[in-house]
Amino acid sequence: MSLDNQWARIERSFDAPINQVWEMWTDASLFAQWYGPMGMTIPVAEMDVTPGGRRKICMEMKARNMTIWFTGEYKVIEKPTRLVYTESMCDPDGNIIPPSAMGMPEGHPEVTEIIVELFEDGDTTKMTLTHIGVPAESPGEGGWRMSIDKMAALLEG
Protein backbone atom coordinates (compact mmCIF):
# COMPACT_ATOMS: atom_id res chain seq x y z
CA MET A 1 0.00 0.00 0.00
CA SER A 2 1.45 3.40 -0.94
CA LEU A 3 2.04 6.12 1.60
CA ASP A 4 -0.43 8.38 -0.22
CA ASN A 5 -3.33 5.97 0.14
CA GLN A 6 -2.65 4.66 3.64
CA TRP A 7 -2.38 7.89 5.63
CA ALA A 8 -4.36 11.11 5.83
CA ARG A 9 -3.27 13.35 2.96
CA ILE A 10 -4.76 16.70 2.04
CA GLU A 11 -3.86 18.84 -0.94
CA ARG A 12 -5.08 22.42 -1.03
CA SER A 13 -4.34 25.65 -2.88
CA PHE A 14 -4.53 29.02 -1.17
CA ASP A 15 -4.83 32.46 -2.72
CA ALA A 16 -1.95 33.64 -0.53
CA PRO A 17 1.84 33.97 -0.74
CA ILE A 18 3.93 31.03 0.44
CA ASN A 19 5.42 32.98 3.37
CA GLN A 20 1.94 33.77 4.69
CA VAL A 21 0.93 30.08 4.56
CA TRP A 22 4.23 29.15 6.25
CA GLU A 23 3.47 31.59 9.09
CA MET A 24 0.10 29.87 9.65
CA TRP A 25 2.07 26.73 10.54
CA THR A 26 4.92 28.31 12.48
CA ASP A 27 3.51 31.34 14.35
CA ALA A 28 1.79 30.09 17.53
CA SER A 29 -0.76 32.92 17.63
CA LEU A 30 -1.81 32.27 14.01
CA PHE A 31 -1.76 28.48 14.46
CA ALA A 32 -4.14 28.82 17.41
CA GLN A 33 -6.65 30.67 15.22
CA TRP A 34 -7.21 27.83 12.74
CA TYR A 35 -6.06 24.52 14.21
CA GLY A 36 -8.64 21.97 15.29
CA PRO A 37 -12.01 20.84 13.98
CA MET A 38 -15.05 23.11 14.03
CA GLY A 39 -16.14 23.82 17.60
CA MET A 40 -12.62 23.44 19.00
CA THR A 41 -10.44 26.27 20.28
CA ILE A 42 -6.73 26.36 21.06
CA PRO A 43 -6.17 28.03 24.46
CA VAL A 44 -2.49 26.94 24.54
CA ALA A 45 -0.07 26.84 21.60
CA GLU A 46 3.58 26.60 22.63
CA MET A 47 5.79 26.17 19.58
CA ASP A 48 9.60 26.29 19.44
CA VAL A 49 9.91 25.97 15.67
CA THR A 50 13.58 24.98 15.54
CA PRO A 51 15.10 21.57 14.76
CA GLY A 52 14.58 19.54 17.93
CA GLY A 53 12.26 22.23 19.32
CA ARG A 54 9.22 21.14 21.30
CA ARG A 55 5.57 21.93 20.78
CA LYS A 56 2.61 21.61 23.13
CA ILE A 57 -0.94 22.31 22.00
CA CYS A 58 -4.21 22.24 23.93
CA MET A 59 -7.40 21.68 21.96
CA GLU A 60 -10.61 22.40 23.84
CA MET A 61 -14.33 21.99 23.18
CA LYS A 62 -16.20 23.84 25.91
CA ALA A 63 -19.62 22.55 24.79
CA ARG A 64 -18.51 19.00 25.65
CA ASN A 65 -16.14 19.95 28.47
CA MET A 66 -13.38 18.16 26.51
CA THR A 67 -9.68 18.98 26.48
CA ILE A 68 -7.00 17.19 24.43
CA TRP A 69 -3.30 17.94 24.74
CA PHE A 70 -0.64 17.20 22.11
CA THR A 71 3.13 17.38 22.26
CA GLY A 72 5.81 16.80 19.68
CA GLU A 73 9.17 17.71 18.27
CA TYR A 74 10.12 19.63 15.15
CA LYS A 75 12.26 17.42 12.91
CA VAL A 76 12.65 19.38 9.66
CA ILE A 77 12.29 23.12 9.10
CA GLU A 78 13.01 24.26 5.54
CA LYS A 79 11.43 27.71 5.45
CA PRO A 80 9.14 28.27 3.58
CA THR A 81 8.63 24.93 1.84
CA ARG A 82 8.80 21.98 4.25
CA LEU A 83 7.90 21.37 7.89
CA VAL A 84 8.00 17.99 9.63
CA TYR A 85 7.05 17.39 13.25
CA THR A 86 5.92 14.58 15.51
CA GLU A 87 2.73 14.50 17.51
CA SER A 88 1.65 12.51 20.56
CA MET A 89 -1.21 12.85 23.00
CA CYS A 90 -0.03 14.11 26.36
CA ASP A 91 -1.15 15.41 29.74
CA PRO A 92 -1.08 19.15 30.50
CA ASP A 93 2.54 18.82 31.67
CA GLY A 94 3.60 17.40 28.28
CA ASN A 95 4.03 13.78 29.44
CA ILE A 96 3.05 11.41 26.63
CA ILE A 97 -0.04 9.31 27.35
CA PRO A 98 -1.26 6.25 25.43
CA PRO A 99 -3.79 7.08 22.69
CA SER A 100 -6.22 4.55 24.24
CA ALA A 101 -6.44 6.84 27.31
CA MET A 102 -8.12 9.39 25.04
CA GLY A 103 -10.48 6.88 23.43
CA MET A 104 -8.43 6.23 20.30
CA PRO A 105 -8.77 2.79 18.71
CA GLU A 106 -6.46 -0.05 19.65
CA GLY A 107 -3.29 0.03 17.60
CA HIS A 108 -3.24 3.82 17.13
CA PRO A 109 0.44 4.81 17.23
CA GLU A 110 1.76 6.70 20.24
CA VAL A 111 3.81 8.97 17.96
CA THR A 112 2.62 10.22 14.57
CA GLU A 113 4.33 12.49 12.07
CA ILE A 114 3.00 15.50 10.19
CA ILE A 115 4.64 16.56 6.92
CA VAL A 116 3.69 19.93 5.43
CA GLU A 117 4.99 20.77 1.95
CA LEU A 118 4.38 24.15 0.32
CA PHE A 119 4.89 25.09 -3.33
CA GLU A 120 4.60 28.48 -5.02
CA ASP A 121 2.35 28.42 -8.06
CA GLY A 122 2.05 31.90 -9.48
CA ASP A 123 0.02 33.97 -7.02
CA THR A 124 -1.13 30.92 -5.09
CA THR A 125 0.45 28.46 -2.70
CA LYS A 126 -0.15 24.73 -2.98
CA MET A 127 0.01 22.74 0.23
CA THR A 128 0.28 19.01 0.75
CA LEU A 129 -0.30 17.78 4.30
CA THR A 130 0.43 14.16 5.17
CA HIS A 131 -0.23 12.81 8.66
CA ILE A 132 1.60 9.48 8.99
CA GLY A 133 -0.17 7.35 11.58
CA VAL A 134 -3.64 8.78 10.96
CA PRO A 135 -5.53 6.59 8.49
CA ALA A 136 -6.91 8.03 5.27
CA GLU A 137 -10.64 8.79 5.43
CA SER A 138 -10.62 8.56 9.25
CA PRO A 139 -12.13 11.03 11.73
CA GLY A 140 -8.59 12.37 12.16
CA GLU A 141 -8.42 13.25 8.48
CA GLY A 142 -11.86 14.83 8.77
CA GLY A 143 -10.59 16.99 11.61
CA TRP A 144 -7.63 18.09 9.50
CA ARG A 145 -9.97 19.00 6.62
CA MET A 146 -12.04 21.22 8.95
CA SER A 147 -8.85 22.81 10.26
CA ILE A 148 -7.57 23.53 6.76
CA ASP A 149 -10.95 25.08 5.87
CA LYS A 150 -10.49 27.41 8.86
CA MET A 151 -6.96 28.24 7.70
CA ALA A 152 -8.24 29.03 4.20
CA ALA A 153 -10.89 31.36 5.62
CA LEU A 154 -8.19 33.26 7.55
CA LEU A 155 -5.85 33.48 4.55
CA GLU A 156 -8.47 34.43 2.03
CA GLY A 157 -10.93 36.37 4.21
C-alpha atoms as a PDB file:
ATOM      1  CA  MET A   1       0.000   0.000   0.000  1.00  0.00           C
ATOM      2  CA  SER A   2       1.448   3.395  -0.937  1.00  0.00           C
ATOM      3  CA  LEU A   3       2.044   6.120   1.604  1.00  0.00           C
ATOM      4  CA  ASP A   4      -0.426   8.375  -0.224  1.00  0.00           C
ATOM      5  CA  ASN A   5      -3.330   5.965   0.141  1.00  0.00           C
ATOM      6  CA  GLN A   6      -2.653   4.660   3.641  1.00  0.00           C
ATOM      7  CA  TRP A   7      -2.385   7.888   5.631  1.00  0.00           C
ATOM      8  CA  ALA A   8      -4.365  11.107   5.834  1.00  0.00           C
ATOM      9  CA  ARG A   9      -3.274  13.345   2.957  1.00  0.00           C
ATOM     10  CA  ILE A  10      -4.758  16.704   2.043  1.00  0.00           C
ATOM     11  CA  GLU A  11      -3.862  18.835  -0.938  1.00  0.00           C
ATOM     12  CA  ARG A  12      -5.076  22.423  -1.030  1.00  0.00           C
ATOM     13  CA  SER A  13      -4.337  25.650  -2.879  1.00  0.00           C
ATOM     14  CA  PHE A  14      -4.533  29.025  -1.171  1.00  0.00           C
ATOM     15  CA  ASP A  15      -4.827  32.463  -2.720  1.00  0.00           C
ATOM     16  CA  ALA A  16      -1.955  33.643  -0.529  1.00  0.00           C
ATOM     17  CA  PRO A  17       1.836  33.970  -0.740  1.00  0.00           C
ATOM     18  CA  ILE A  18       3.927  31.031   0.439  1.00  0.00           C
ATOM     19  CA  ASN A  19       5.418  32.982   3.370  1.00  0.00           C
ATOM     20  CA  GLN A  20       1.938  33.772   4.686  1.00  0.00           C
ATOM     21  CA  VAL A  21       0.934  30.084   4.562  1.00  0.00           C
ATOM     22  CA  TRP A  22       4.233  29.151   6.254  1.00  0.00           C
ATOM     23  CA  GLU A  23       3.465  31.586   9.087  1.00  0.00           C
ATOM     24  CA  MET A  24       0.100  29.871   9.647  1.00  0.00           C
ATOM     25  CA  TRP A  25       2.069  26.731  10.540  1.00  0.00           C
ATOM     26  CA  THR A  26       4.923  28.314  12.481  1.00  0.00           C
ATOM     27  CA  ASP A  27       3.513  31.340  14.354  1.00  0.00           C
ATOM     28  CA  ALA A  28       1.794  30.088  17.525  1.00  0.00           C
ATOM     29  CA  SER A  29      -0.765  32.921  17.628  1.00  0.00           C
ATOM     30  CA  LEU A  30      -1.807  32.273  14.013  1.00  0.00           C
ATOM     31  CA  PHE A  31      -1.764  28.480  14.459  1.00  0.00           C
ATOM     32  CA  ALA A  32      -4.143  28.818  17.415  1.00  0.00           C
ATOM     33  CA  GLN A  33      -6.654  30.666  15.220  1.00  0.00           C
ATOM     34  CA  TRP A  34      -7.208  27.834  12.736  1.00  0.00           C
ATOM     35  CA  TYR A  35      -6.060  24.524  14.206  1.00  0.00           C
ATOM     36  CA  GLY A  36      -8.638  21.974  15.288  1.00  0.00           C
ATOM     37  CA  PRO A  37     -12.012  20.838  13.975  1.00  0.00           C
ATOM     38  CA  MET A  38     -15.050  23.114  14.028  1.00  0.00           C
ATOM     39  CA  GLY A  39     -16.140  23.824  17.602  1.00  0.00           C
ATOM     40  CA  MET A  40     -12.622  23.437  18.998  1.00  0.00           C
ATOM     41  CA  THR A  41     -10.441  26.265  20.285  1.00  0.00           C
ATOM     42  CA  ILE A  42      -6.729  26.359  21.057  1.00  0.00           C
ATOM     43  CA  PRO A  43      -6.170  28.029  24.456  1.00  0.00           C
ATOM     44  CA  VAL A  44      -2.495  26.936  24.544  1.00  0.00           C
ATOM     45  CA  ALA A  45      -0.072  26.841  21.602  1.00  0.00           C
ATOM     46  CA  GLU A  46       3.579  26.604  22.629  1.00  0.00           C
ATOM     47  CA  MET A  47       5.791  26.172  19.575  1.00  0.00           C
ATOM     48  CA  ASP A  48       9.599  26.288  19.442  1.00  0.00           C
ATOM     49  CA  VAL A  49       9.914  25.966  15.671  1.00  0.00           C
ATOM     50  CA  THR A  50      13.580  24.980  15.542  1.00  0.00           C
ATOM     51  CA  PRO A  51      15.097  21.568  14.756  1.00  0.00           C
ATOM     52  CA  GLY A  52      14.580  19.536  17.933  1.00  0.00           C
ATOM     53  CA  GLY A  53      12.265  22.231  19.323  1.00  0.00           C
ATOM     54  CA  ARG A  54       9.218  21.141  21.295  1.00  0.00           C
ATOM     55  CA  ARG A  55       5.573  21.927  20.778  1.00  0.00           C
ATOM     56  CA  LYS A  56       2.607  21.609  23.126  1.00  0.00           C
ATOM     57  CA  ILE A  57      -0.941  22.311  21.999  1.00  0.00           C
ATOM     58  CA  CYS A  58      -4.208  22.238  23.932  1.00  0.00           C
ATOM     59  CA  MET A  59      -7.403  21.682  21.962  1.00  0.00           C
ATOM     60  CA  GLU A  60     -10.612  22.403  23.836  1.00  0.00           C
ATOM     61  CA  MET A  61     -14.334  21.992  23.177  1.00  0.00           C
ATOM     62  CA  LYS A  62     -16.199  23.836  25.908  1.00  0.00           C
ATOM     63  CA  ALA A  63     -19.618  22.549  24.785  1.00  0.00           C
ATOM     64  CA  ARG A  64     -18.509  18.997  25.649  1.00  0.00           C
ATOM     65  CA  ASN A  65     -16.138  19.945  28.471  1.00  0.00           C
ATOM     66  CA  MET A  66     -13.383  18.159  26.511  1.00  0.00           C
ATOM     67  CA  THR A  67      -9.677  18.977  26.477  1.00  0.00           C
ATOM     68  CA  ILE A  68      -6.999  17.192  24.435  1.00  0.00           C
ATOM     69  CA  TRP A  69      -3.295  17.943  24.744  1.00  0.00           C
ATOM     70  CA  PHE A  70      -0.641  17.196  22.114  1.00  0.00           C
ATOM     71  CA  THR A  71       3.126  17.379  22.260  1.00  0.00           C
ATOM     72  CA  GLY A  72       5.806  16.797  19.680  1.00  0.00           C
ATOM     73  CA  GLU A  73       9.168  17.706  18.270  1.00  0.00           C
ATOM     74  CA  TYR A  74      10.115  19.630  15.147  1.00  0.00           C
ATOM     75  CA  LYS A  75      12.259  17.416  12.914  1.00  0.00           C
ATOM     76  CA  VAL A  76      12.650  19.380   9.658  1.00  0.00           C
ATOM     77  CA  ILE A  77      12.293  23.116   9.097  1.00  0.00           C
ATOM     78  CA  GLU A  78      13.013  24.258   5.540  1.00  0.00           C
ATOM     79  CA  LYS A  79      11.433  27.708   5.450  1.00  0.00           C
ATOM     80  CA  PRO A  80       9.139  28.271   3.575  1.00  0.00           C
ATOM     81  CA  THR A  81       8.631  24.929   1.840  1.00  0.00           C
ATOM     82  CA  ARG A  82       8.801  21.975   4.253  1.00  0.00           C
ATOM     83  CA  LEU A  83       7.901  21.367   7.889  1.00  0.00           C
ATOM     84  CA  VAL A  84       7.995  17.989   9.627  1.00  0.00           C
ATOM     85  CA  TYR A  85       7.053  17.393  13.254  1.00  0.00           C
ATOM     86  CA  THR A  86       5.918  14.575  15.508  1.00  0.00           C
ATOM     87  CA  GLU A  87       2.726  14.502  17.508  1.00  0.00           C
ATOM     88  CA  SER A  88       1.653  12.512  20.561  1.00  0.00           C
ATOM     89  CA  MET A  89      -1.211  12.848  22.997  1.00  0.00           C
ATOM     90  CA  CYS A  90      -0.033  14.107  26.365  1.00  0.00           C
ATOM     91  CA  ASP A  91      -1.153  15.409  29.737  1.00  0.00           C
ATOM     92  CA  PRO A  92      -1.081  19.151  30.497  1.00  0.00           C
ATOM     93  CA  ASP A  93       2.542  18.819  31.666  1.00  0.00           C
ATOM     94  CA  GLY A  94       3.601  17.399  28.278  1.00  0.00           C
ATOM     95  CA  ASN A  95       4.028  13.780  29.437  1.00  0.00           C
ATOM     96  CA  ILE A  96       3.047  11.415  26.632  1.00  0.00           C
ATOM     97  CA  ILE A  97      -0.042   9.309  27.350  1.00  0.00           C
ATOM     98  CA  PRO A  98      -1.260   6.250  25.429  1.00  0.00           C
ATOM     99  CA  PRO A  99      -3.791   7.083  22.687  1.00  0.00           C
ATOM    100  CA  SER A 100      -6.216   4.550  24.236  1.00  0.00           C
ATOM    101  CA  ALA A 101      -6.438   6.837  27.306  1.00  0.00           C
ATOM    102  CA  MET A 102      -8.118   9.387  25.037  1.00  0.00           C
ATOM    103  CA  GLY A 103     -10.482   6.876  23.427  1.00  0.00           C
ATOM    104  CA  MET A 104      -8.425   6.228  20.304  1.00  0.00           C
ATOM    105  CA  PRO A 105      -8.774   2.786  18.714  1.00  0.00           C
ATOM    106  CA  GLU A 106      -6.457  -0.053  19.653  1.00  0.00           C
ATOM    107  CA  GLY A 107      -3.285   0.026  17.603  1.00  0.00           C
ATOM    108  CA  HIS A 108      -3.240   3.822  17.135  1.00  0.00           C
ATOM    109  CA  PRO A 109       0.440   4.810  17.226  1.00  0.00           C
ATOM    110  CA  GLU A 110       1.758   6.696  20.237  1.00  0.00           C
ATOM    111  CA  VAL A 111       3.812   8.974  17.961  1.00  0.00           C
ATOM    112  CA  THR A 112       2.616  10.216  14.575  1.00  0.00           C
ATOM    113  CA  GLU A 113       4.332  12.491  12.066  1.00  0.00           C
ATOM    114  CA  ILE A 114       3.004  15.495  10.185  1.00  0.00           C
ATOM    115  CA  ILE A 115       4.641  16.563   6.918  1.00  0.00           C
ATOM    116  CA  VAL A 116       3.691  19.931   5.426  1.00  0.00           C
ATOM    117  CA  GLU A 117       4.992  20.769   1.949  1.00  0.00           C
ATOM    118  CA  LEU A 118       4.383  24.155   0.325  1.00  0.00           C
ATOM    119  CA  PHE A 119       4.891  25.092  -3.327  1.00  0.00           C
ATOM    120  CA  GLU A 120       4.598  28.478  -5.020  1.00  0.00           C
ATOM    121  CA  ASP A 121       2.348  28.418  -8.058  1.00  0.00           C
ATOM    122  CA  GLY A 122       2.051  31.903  -9.484  1.00  0.00           C
ATOM    123  CA  ASP A 123       0.017  33.970  -7.023  1.00  0.00           C
ATOM    124  CA  THR A 124      -1.133  30.923  -5.093  1.00  0.00           C
ATOM    125  CA  THR A 125       0.453  28.456  -2.702  1.00  0.00           C
ATOM    126  CA  LYS A 126      -0.151  24.732  -2.981  1.00  0.00           C
ATOM    127  CA  MET A 127       0.011  22.741   0.225  1.00  0.00           C
ATOM    128  CA  THR A 128       0.283  19.010   0.751  1.00  0.00           C
ATOM    129  CA  LEU A 129      -0.295  17.783   4.299  1.00  0.00           C
ATOM    130  CA  THR A 130       0.432  14.157   5.170  1.00  0.00           C
ATOM    131  CA  HIS A 131      -0.229  12.806   8.665  1.00  0.00           C
ATOM    132  CA  ILE A 132       1.604   9.482   8.989  1.00  0.00           C
ATOM    133  CA  GLY A 133      -0.165   7.346  11.580  1.00  0.00           C
ATOM    134  CA  VAL A 134      -3.643   8.777  10.964  1.00  0.00           C
ATOM    135  CA  PRO A 135      -5.534   6.592   8.486  1.00  0.00           C
ATOM    136  CA  ALA A 136      -6.911   8.028   5.269  1.00  0.00           C
ATOM    137  CA  GLU A 137     -10.642   8.789   5.431  1.00  0.00           C
ATOM    138  CA  SER A 138     -10.619   8.557   9.250  1.00  0.00           C
ATOM    139  CA  PRO A 139     -12.129  11.033  11.734  1.00  0.00           C
ATOM    140  CA  GLY A 140      -8.588  12.368  12.164  1.00  0.00           C
ATOM    141  CA  GLU A 141      -8.416  13.245   8.481  1.00  0.00           C
ATOM    142  CA  GLY A 142     -11.855  14.834   8.766  1.00  0.00           C
ATOM    143  CA  GLY A 143     -10.589  16.992  11.615  1.00  0.00           C
ATOM    144  CA  TRP A 144      -7.634  18.092   9.496  1.00  0.00           C
ATOM    145  CA  ARG A 145      -9.974  19.000   6.623  1.00  0.00           C
ATOM    146  CA  MET A 146     -12.037  21.217   8.946  1.00  0.00           C
ATOM    147  CA  SER A 147      -8.849  22.809  10.260  1.00  0.00           C
ATOM    148  CA  ILE A 148      -7.569  23.534   6.758  1.00  0.00           C
ATOM    149  CA  ASP A 149     -10.947  25.085   5.867  1.00  0.00           C
ATOM    150  CA  LYS A 150     -10.489  27.409   8.862  1.00  0.00           C
ATOM    151  CA  MET A 151      -6.957  28.242   7.705  1.00  0.00           C
ATOM    152  CA  ALA A 152      -8.240  29.033   4.198  1.00  0.00           C
ATOM    153  CA  ALA A 153     -10.887  31.364   5.622  1.00  0.00           C
ATOM    154  CA  LEU A 154      -8.192  33.263   7.546  1.00  0.00           C
ATOM    155  CA  LEU A 155      -5.852  33.481   4.555  1.00  0.00           C
ATOM    156  CA  GLU A 156      -8.475  34.435   2.027  1.00  0.00           C
ATOM    157  CA  GLY A 157     -10.931  36.370   4.214  1.00  0.00           C
END
